[in-house]
Amino acid sequence: MRGLAACYSEHAINVSDAYCSGPSNHSNYISPTLPPSIPDTVTTTYKTNLPSSDKPVSVSLTWSDNLTLVISITPTKTYSVSLKKPKGSRRLTSSSGSFNGEILWDLTEAEYDNNGPEPTRGFSVAVVVNSEITLRVGDVRDTSSWRVSRTERYSGTCWLSTKAQFSDNGAKHEIQIQCGGGGGGGGEEGYLWKTKSPETMSVWVEKRKVFQVKKLKWNFRGNQTMFFDGMLVDMMWDLHDWFFRESTVSSSSSSSSSSSPPSAVFMFRRRSGLDSKLWLDDDEEENKKFGLRETKHSFSLVICVSKK
């Protein structure tokens, strides 16, 4: 049976080899200088199972001007609370008494990189559900929960620099996405780049170009598979609204023109479970075990950029 990496080696891009396998003119494969982008909001969703009942619990943390938590016990039982004080505790209870939750947070000494909305150190957030610790993030991390998604929202230009961690214990990778045309920004260097490549999307990882898409108005949707630290990661993009929605809005009703601005969406999704297997074994029970074992390792990074 062939290994997963061997089967995908002909099609997927190994980010560690992208620079070495490029042409001799390495200057075209080194990313231009770009300061870290500052998101408007960052939402990270975690999942865990309550030890006493083995019920799944989902907790989403949204960082913006304040901290908003959404706790989901089931699709029909969701509790949301906005925390505006730098330190405190908050209790949540259901009318039936089946849910008793408590949130404890301390952001008094929190430190933020590049003035972003999400603290990177010096803080703690804990969520307790029915007297059981469900989530603990910050300087003290709870290993019983795992990240399932992260959404970063920006505004202005499709020139982005961010960092992504595709597993809880993996390394953080610097990712740059640059799309020419359909937006402003980027300074003098950005202007020159857009003049030369007005409809081109380039993606860099650790300052090395891994792939490029030309004729972007024709290829406004697409996907590319890459390897990050031996993990299969699919990148998908949708730039339809970014390029074309302005003309649609201008010819539509006034109610449509007041809706959200055109946006570009990029997604990085780590494959896991049965979708990472190129074939299925004859043993269905083993396949089910494999899917359950790998589900917690799935992770997706979604980047949304809205035009100003």
Protein backbone atom coordinates (compact mmCIF):
# COMPACT_ATOMS: atom_id res chain seq x y z
CA MET A 1 0.00 0.00 0.00
CA ARG A 2 1.47 3.33 -1.03
CA GLY A 3 1.95 6.09 1.50
CA LEU A 4 -0.27 9.15 1.42
CA ALA A 5 2.61 11.53 0.78
CA ALA A 6 3.89 9.39 -2.10
CA CYS A 7 0.50 9.40 -3.81
CA TYR A 8 0.22 13.19 -3.65
CA SER A 9 3.84 14.08 -4.38
CA GLU A 10 3.16 14.59 -8.08
CA HIS A 11 0.38 17.14 -7.48
CA ALA A 12 0.80 18.76 -4.05
CA ILE A 13 3.34 21.48 -3.34
CA ASN A 14 5.82 20.81 -0.57
CA VAL A 15 6.33 24.26 0.92
CA SER A 16 9.80 23.39 2.19
CA ASP A 17 10.94 22.59 -1.35
CA ALA A 18 9.19 25.41 -3.20
CA TYR A 19 12.14 27.77 -3.00
CA CYS A 20 14.82 25.17 -3.73
CA SER A 21 12.99 23.77 -6.74
CA GLY A 22 12.42 27.18 -8.36
CA PRO A 23 14.45 28.62 -11.19
CA SER A 24 17.89 30.09 -10.70
CA ASN A 25 16.46 33.61 -10.44
CA HIS A 26 15.54 33.32 -6.77
CA SER A 27 14.66 37.03 -6.50
CA ASN A 28 11.29 36.24 -8.12
CA TYR A 29 10.62 33.64 -5.44
CA ILE A 30 11.31 35.79 -2.36
CA SER A 31 8.31 37.71 -1.08
CA PRO A 32 8.36 41.52 -1.19
CA THR A 33 8.51 43.38 2.08
CA LEU A 34 5.05 43.42 3.65
CA PRO A 35 4.23 44.38 7.25
CA PRO A 36 1.94 42.05 9.23
CA SER A 37 -1.71 42.69 8.45
CA ILE A 38 -3.95 43.69 11.34
CA PRO A 39 -7.35 41.96 11.34
CA ASP A 40 -10.52 43.70 12.43
CA THR A 41 -11.75 40.57 14.23
CA VAL A 42 -10.38 37.10 14.98
CA THR A 43 -12.62 34.14 15.85
CA THR A 44 -11.22 30.81 17.05
CA THR A 45 -13.49 27.84 17.65
CA TYR A 46 -12.55 25.01 20.02
CA LYS A 47 -14.21 21.67 20.69
CA THR A 48 -14.05 19.25 23.56
CA ASN A 49 -16.08 16.49 25.20
CA LEU A 50 -17.48 16.72 28.71
CA PRO A 51 -15.76 13.91 30.68
CA SER A 52 -18.88 12.99 32.65
CA SER A 53 -21.26 12.64 29.68
CA ASP A 54 -18.91 12.59 26.64
CA LYS A 55 -21.13 15.25 25.05
CA PRO A 56 -19.40 17.54 22.55
CA VAL A 57 -19.10 21.20 23.47
CA SER A 58 -18.09 23.99 21.12
CA VAL A 59 -16.67 27.31 22.34
CA SER A 60 -15.92 30.24 20.03
CA LEU A 61 -13.82 33.22 21.10
CA THR A 62 -14.20 36.39 19.01
CA TRP A 63 -11.65 39.12 19.62
CA SER A 64 -12.41 42.66 18.46
CA ASP A 65 -12.93 45.75 20.61
CA ASN A 66 -14.02 43.34 23.31
CA LEU A 67 -14.25 39.57 23.82
CA THR A 68 -17.36 37.65 22.77
CA LEU A 69 -17.88 34.00 23.72
CA VAL A 70 -20.36 31.61 22.16
CA ILE A 71 -20.87 28.27 23.91
CA SER A 72 -22.75 25.58 21.98
CA ILE A 73 -23.87 22.42 23.76
CA THR A 74 -26.06 21.25 20.88
CA PRO A 75 -27.16 22.96 17.65
CA THR A 76 -30.28 24.15 19.46
CA LYS A 77 -28.61 25.20 22.72
CA THR A 78 -26.27 28.16 22.23
CA TYR A 79 -25.24 30.78 24.77
CA SER A 80 -23.53 34.03 23.81
CA VAL A 81 -22.00 36.68 26.06
CA SER A 82 -19.91 39.81 25.42
CA LEU A 83 -17.21 40.62 27.97
CA LYS A 84 -16.15 44.26 28.11
CA LYS A 85 -14.24 44.41 31.40
CA PRO A 86 -10.54 43.46 31.45
CA LYS A 87 -11.07 40.99 34.29
CA GLY A 88 -13.99 39.19 35.86
CA SER A 89 -16.30 36.20 35.92
CA ARG A 90 -19.72 35.57 34.45
CA ARG A 91 -22.27 32.84 35.15
CA LEU A 92 -24.65 31.39 32.57
CA THR A 93 -27.61 29.16 33.39
CA SER A 94 -30.49 27.72 31.43
CA SER A 95 -34.09 28.02 32.56
CA SER A 96 -34.37 24.25 32.88
CA GLY A 97 -31.22 23.99 34.97
CA SER A 98 -29.58 21.52 32.59
CA PHE A 99 -26.81 23.99 31.77
CA ASN A 100 -24.65 25.79 34.31
CA GLY A 101 -21.66 27.61 32.94
CA GLU A 102 -19.06 30.02 34.22
CA ILE A 103 -16.54 32.17 32.36
CA LEU A 104 -13.43 33.50 34.07
CA TRP A 105 -11.08 35.86 32.27
CA ASP A 106 -8.11 38.11 33.01
CA LEU A 107 -6.77 40.48 30.34
CA THR A 108 -5.21 43.05 32.68
CA GLU A 109 -1.64 42.20 31.60
CA ALA A 110 -2.41 40.99 28.09
CA GLU A 111 0.12 41.73 25.34
CA TYR A 112 -0.85 42.21 21.70
CA ASP A 113 1.36 41.80 18.64
CA ASN A 114 1.15 44.62 16.08
CA ASN A 115 -1.80 46.19 17.96
CA GLY A 116 -4.09 43.39 16.82
CA PRO A 117 -7.35 42.52 18.57
CA GLU A 118 -6.19 39.12 19.86
CA PRO A 119 -3.79 38.86 22.83
CA THR A 120 -0.77 36.63 22.41
CA ARG A 121 0.44 36.33 26.01
CA GLY A 122 -0.21 37.60 29.51
CA PHE A 123 -3.89 36.58 29.58
CA SER A 124 -6.20 33.73 30.52
CA VAL A 125 -9.72 32.67 29.61
CA ALA A 126 -11.43 29.67 31.19
CA VAL A 127 -14.86 28.18 30.51
CA VAL A 128 -16.52 25.80 32.98
CA VAL A 129 -19.64 23.83 31.99
CA ASN A 130 -21.56 21.87 34.62
CA SER A 131 -18.59 22.09 37.03
CA GLU A 132 -16.17 20.71 34.41
CA ILE A 133 -13.37 22.71 32.81
CA THR A 134 -14.29 22.88 29.13
CA LEU A 135 -11.73 25.32 27.79
CA ARG A 136 -8.66 27.10 29.08
CA VAL A 137 -6.60 29.31 26.77
CA GLY A 138 -3.85 31.83 27.32
CA ASP A 139 -0.66 31.36 29.27
CA VAL A 140 -2.02 28.06 30.62
CA ARG A 141 -3.40 25.87 27.82
CA ASP A 142 -5.85 23.01 28.36
CA THR A 143 -4.85 20.02 26.22
CA SER A 144 -8.28 18.35 26.40
CA SER A 145 -9.74 20.78 23.85
CA TRP A 146 -8.66 21.30 20.26
CA ARG A 147 -9.01 24.03 17.66
CA VAL A 148 -11.29 23.35 14.72
CA SER A 149 -11.31 26.70 12.94
CA ARG A 150 -9.96 30.21 12.92
CA THR A 151 -11.47 33.13 11.01
CA GLU A 152 -9.61 36.38 10.41
CA ARG A 153 -11.49 39.36 8.96
CA TYR A 154 -9.69 42.24 7.29
CA SER A 155 -10.71 45.32 5.35
CA GLY A 156 -9.00 47.29 2.63
CA THR A 157 -6.73 45.32 0.32
CA CYS A 158 -5.95 41.77 -0.78
CA TRP A 159 -2.38 42.16 0.41
CA LEU A 160 -2.16 40.00 3.51
CA SER A 161 0.51 38.72 5.83
CA THR A 162 -0.54 36.37 8.61
CA LYS A 163 0.65 33.32 10.53
CA ALA A 164 -1.05 29.93 10.56
CA GLN A 165 -0.65 26.94 12.86
CA PHE A 166 -2.30 23.85 11.38
CA SER A 167 -1.92 21.65 14.45
CA ASP A 168 -1.94 22.44 18.17
CA ASN A 169 1.68 21.38 18.56
CA GLY A 170 2.91 22.41 15.11
CA ALA A 171 5.02 25.36 14.07
CA LYS A 172 3.55 28.69 12.99
CA HIS A 173 4.04 29.46 9.30
CA GLU A 174 4.13 32.95 7.84
CA ILE A 175 1.73 33.17 4.90
CA GLN A 176 1.45 36.05 2.44
CA ILE A 177 -1.29 36.42 -0.13
CA GLN A 178 -1.06 39.14 -2.74
CA CYS A 179 -3.69 39.78 -5.39
CA GLY A 180 -3.17 42.43 -8.06
CA GLY A 181 -6.16 44.35 -9.35
CA GLY A 182 -9.48 45.00 -7.68
CA GLY A 183 -8.08 46.88 -4.69
CA GLY A 184 -5.67 49.51 -3.51
CA GLY A 185 -2.89 49.68 -0.98
CA GLY A 186 0.55 48.20 -0.74
CA GLY A 187 2.57 51.44 -1.01
CA GLU A 188 5.02 52.22 -3.81
CA GLU A 189 6.18 48.60 -4.01
CA GLY A 190 2.59 47.43 -4.21
CA TYR A 191 1.80 49.92 -6.98
CA LEU A 192 4.73 48.71 -9.09
CA TRP A 193 3.78 45.08 -8.50
CA LYS A 194 0.16 45.66 -9.53
CA THR A 195 1.27 47.52 -12.67
CA LYS A 196 3.28 44.48 -13.74
CA SER A 197 0.79 41.85 -12.54
CA PRO A 198 -2.68 43.45 -12.38
CA GLU A 199 -4.58 40.14 -12.31
CA THR A 200 -2.20 37.75 -10.58
CA MET A 201 -2.40 36.05 -7.19
CA SER A 202 0.80 34.92 -5.52
CA VAL A 203 1.11 32.91 -2.32
CA TRP A 204 4.28 32.85 -0.20
CA VAL A 205 5.06 30.63 2.78
CA GLU A 206 8.02 31.60 4.96
CA LYS A 207 8.83 34.29 2.36
CA ARG A 208 9.10 31.71 -0.44
CA LYS A 209 6.67 31.69 -3.31
CA VAL A 210 4.80 28.37 -3.47
CA PHE A 211 2.47 29.07 -6.38
CA GLN A 212 0.97 31.77 -8.57
CA VAL A 213 -2.35 32.12 -10.38
CA LYS A 214 -2.53 34.27 -13.50
CA LYS A 215 -5.62 35.65 -15.28
CA LEU A 216 -7.27 35.94 -11.91
CA LYS A 217 -10.53 37.34 -13.24
CA TRP A 218 -10.97 34.09 -15.13
CA ASN A 219 -9.69 31.96 -12.26
CA PHE A 220 -11.53 33.79 -9.48
CA ARG A 221 -12.29 30.45 -7.79
CA GLY A 222 -9.86 27.60 -7.37
CA ASN A 223 -7.84 25.41 -5.06
CA GLN A 224 -4.28 24.16 -4.54
CA THR A 225 -2.96 21.34 -2.35
CA MET A 226 0.19 21.85 -0.27
CA PHE A 227 2.22 20.00 2.36
CA PHE A 228 2.87 21.72 5.69
CA ASP A 229 5.16 19.70 7.98
CA GLY A 230 3.96 16.48 6.35
CA MET A 231 0.28 17.49 6.57
CA LEU A 232 -2.00 17.81 3.56
CA VAL A 233 -3.49 21.32 3.41
CA ASP A 234 -5.93 22.52 0.75
CA MET A 235 -6.03 26.21 -0.07
CA MET A 236 -9.24 27.47 -1.69
CA TRP A 237 -10.10 30.97 -2.86
CA ASP A 238 -13.22 32.80 -4.02
CA LEU A 239 -12.69 36.28 -5.49
CA HIS A 240 -15.92 36.57 -7.48
CA ASP A 241 -17.46 39.30 -5.32
CA TRP A 242 -14.15 41.11 -5.03
CA PHE A 243 -13.92 41.53 -8.80
CA PHE A 244 -17.51 41.62 -10.00
CA ARG A 245 -19.98 42.55 -7.25
CA GLU A 246 -19.53 46.32 -7.52
CA SER A 247 -21.11 46.46 -10.97
CA THR A 248 -23.90 44.17 -9.76
CA VAL A 249 -24.63 46.35 -6.73
CA SER A 250 -24.68 49.57 -8.75
CA SER A 251 -27.41 48.20 -11.02
CA SER A 252 -29.50 46.67 -8.23
CA SER A 253 -31.91 48.16 -5.75
CA SER A 254 -30.87 50.59 -3.06
CA SER A 255 -31.41 47.94 -0.38
CA SER A 256 -28.73 45.76 -1.96
CA SER A 257 -26.28 48.67 -2.13
CA SER A 258 -26.47 49.04 1.65
CA SER A 259 -25.49 45.41 2.23
CA SER A 260 -22.00 44.24 3.19
CA PRO A 261 -19.16 45.33 0.89
CA PRO A 262 -17.63 42.97 -1.70
CA SER A 263 -15.23 40.51 -0.14
CA ALA A 264 -12.54 37.98 -1.01
CA VAL A 265 -12.41 34.66 0.83
CA PHE A 266 -9.39 32.39 1.29
CA MET A 267 -9.46 29.09 3.15
CA PHE A 268 -6.67 26.80 4.30
CA ARG A 269 -8.02 23.43 5.42
CA ARG A 270 -6.04 20.57 6.85
CA ARG A 271 -7.29 17.23 5.64
CA SER A 272 -8.13 14.61 8.21
CA GLY A 273 -10.24 11.53 8.75
CA LEU A 274 -11.48 9.55 5.75
CA ASP A 275 -11.08 12.50 3.35
CA SER A 276 -7.29 12.16 3.69
CA LYS A 277 -7.35 8.50 2.64
CA LEU A 278 -6.98 7.78 -1.04
CA TRP A 279 -8.69 4.42 -0.64
CA LEU A 280 -10.92 2.69 1.91
CA ASP A 281 -10.08 -0.56 3.62
CA ASP A 282 -12.46 -3.47 3.43
CA ASP A 283 -13.02 -3.28 7.16
CA GLU A 284 -15.80 -0.69 7.62
CA GLU A 285 -15.37 -0.72 11.39
CA GLU A 286 -11.71 0.21 11.02
CA ASN A 287 -12.65 3.05 8.68
CA LYS A 288 -15.07 4.41 11.28
CA LYS A 289 -12.37 4.26 13.97
CA PHE A 290 -9.95 6.05 11.68
CA GLY A 291 -12.45 8.82 11.01
CA LEU A 292 -13.23 9.29 14.70
CA ARG A 293 -9.56 9.26 15.63
CA GLU A 294 -8.62 11.89 13.07
CA THR A 295 -11.64 14.19 13.38
CA LYS A 296 -10.11 16.23 16.20
CA HIS A 297 -7.05 16.95 14.06
CA SER A 298 -8.99 18.75 11.33
CA PHE A 299 -8.45 22.50 11.20
CA SER A 300 -9.37 25.31 8.85
CA LEU A 301 -8.16 28.90 8.56
CA VAL A 302 -10.59 31.28 6.86
CA ILE A 303 -9.45 34.74 5.75
CA CYS A 304 -12.11 37.25 4.69
CA VAL A 305 -11.16 40.61 3.15
CA SER A 306 -13.80 43.31 2.61
CA LYS A 307 -13.35 46.31 0.37
CA LYS A 308 -13.55 49.65 2.10
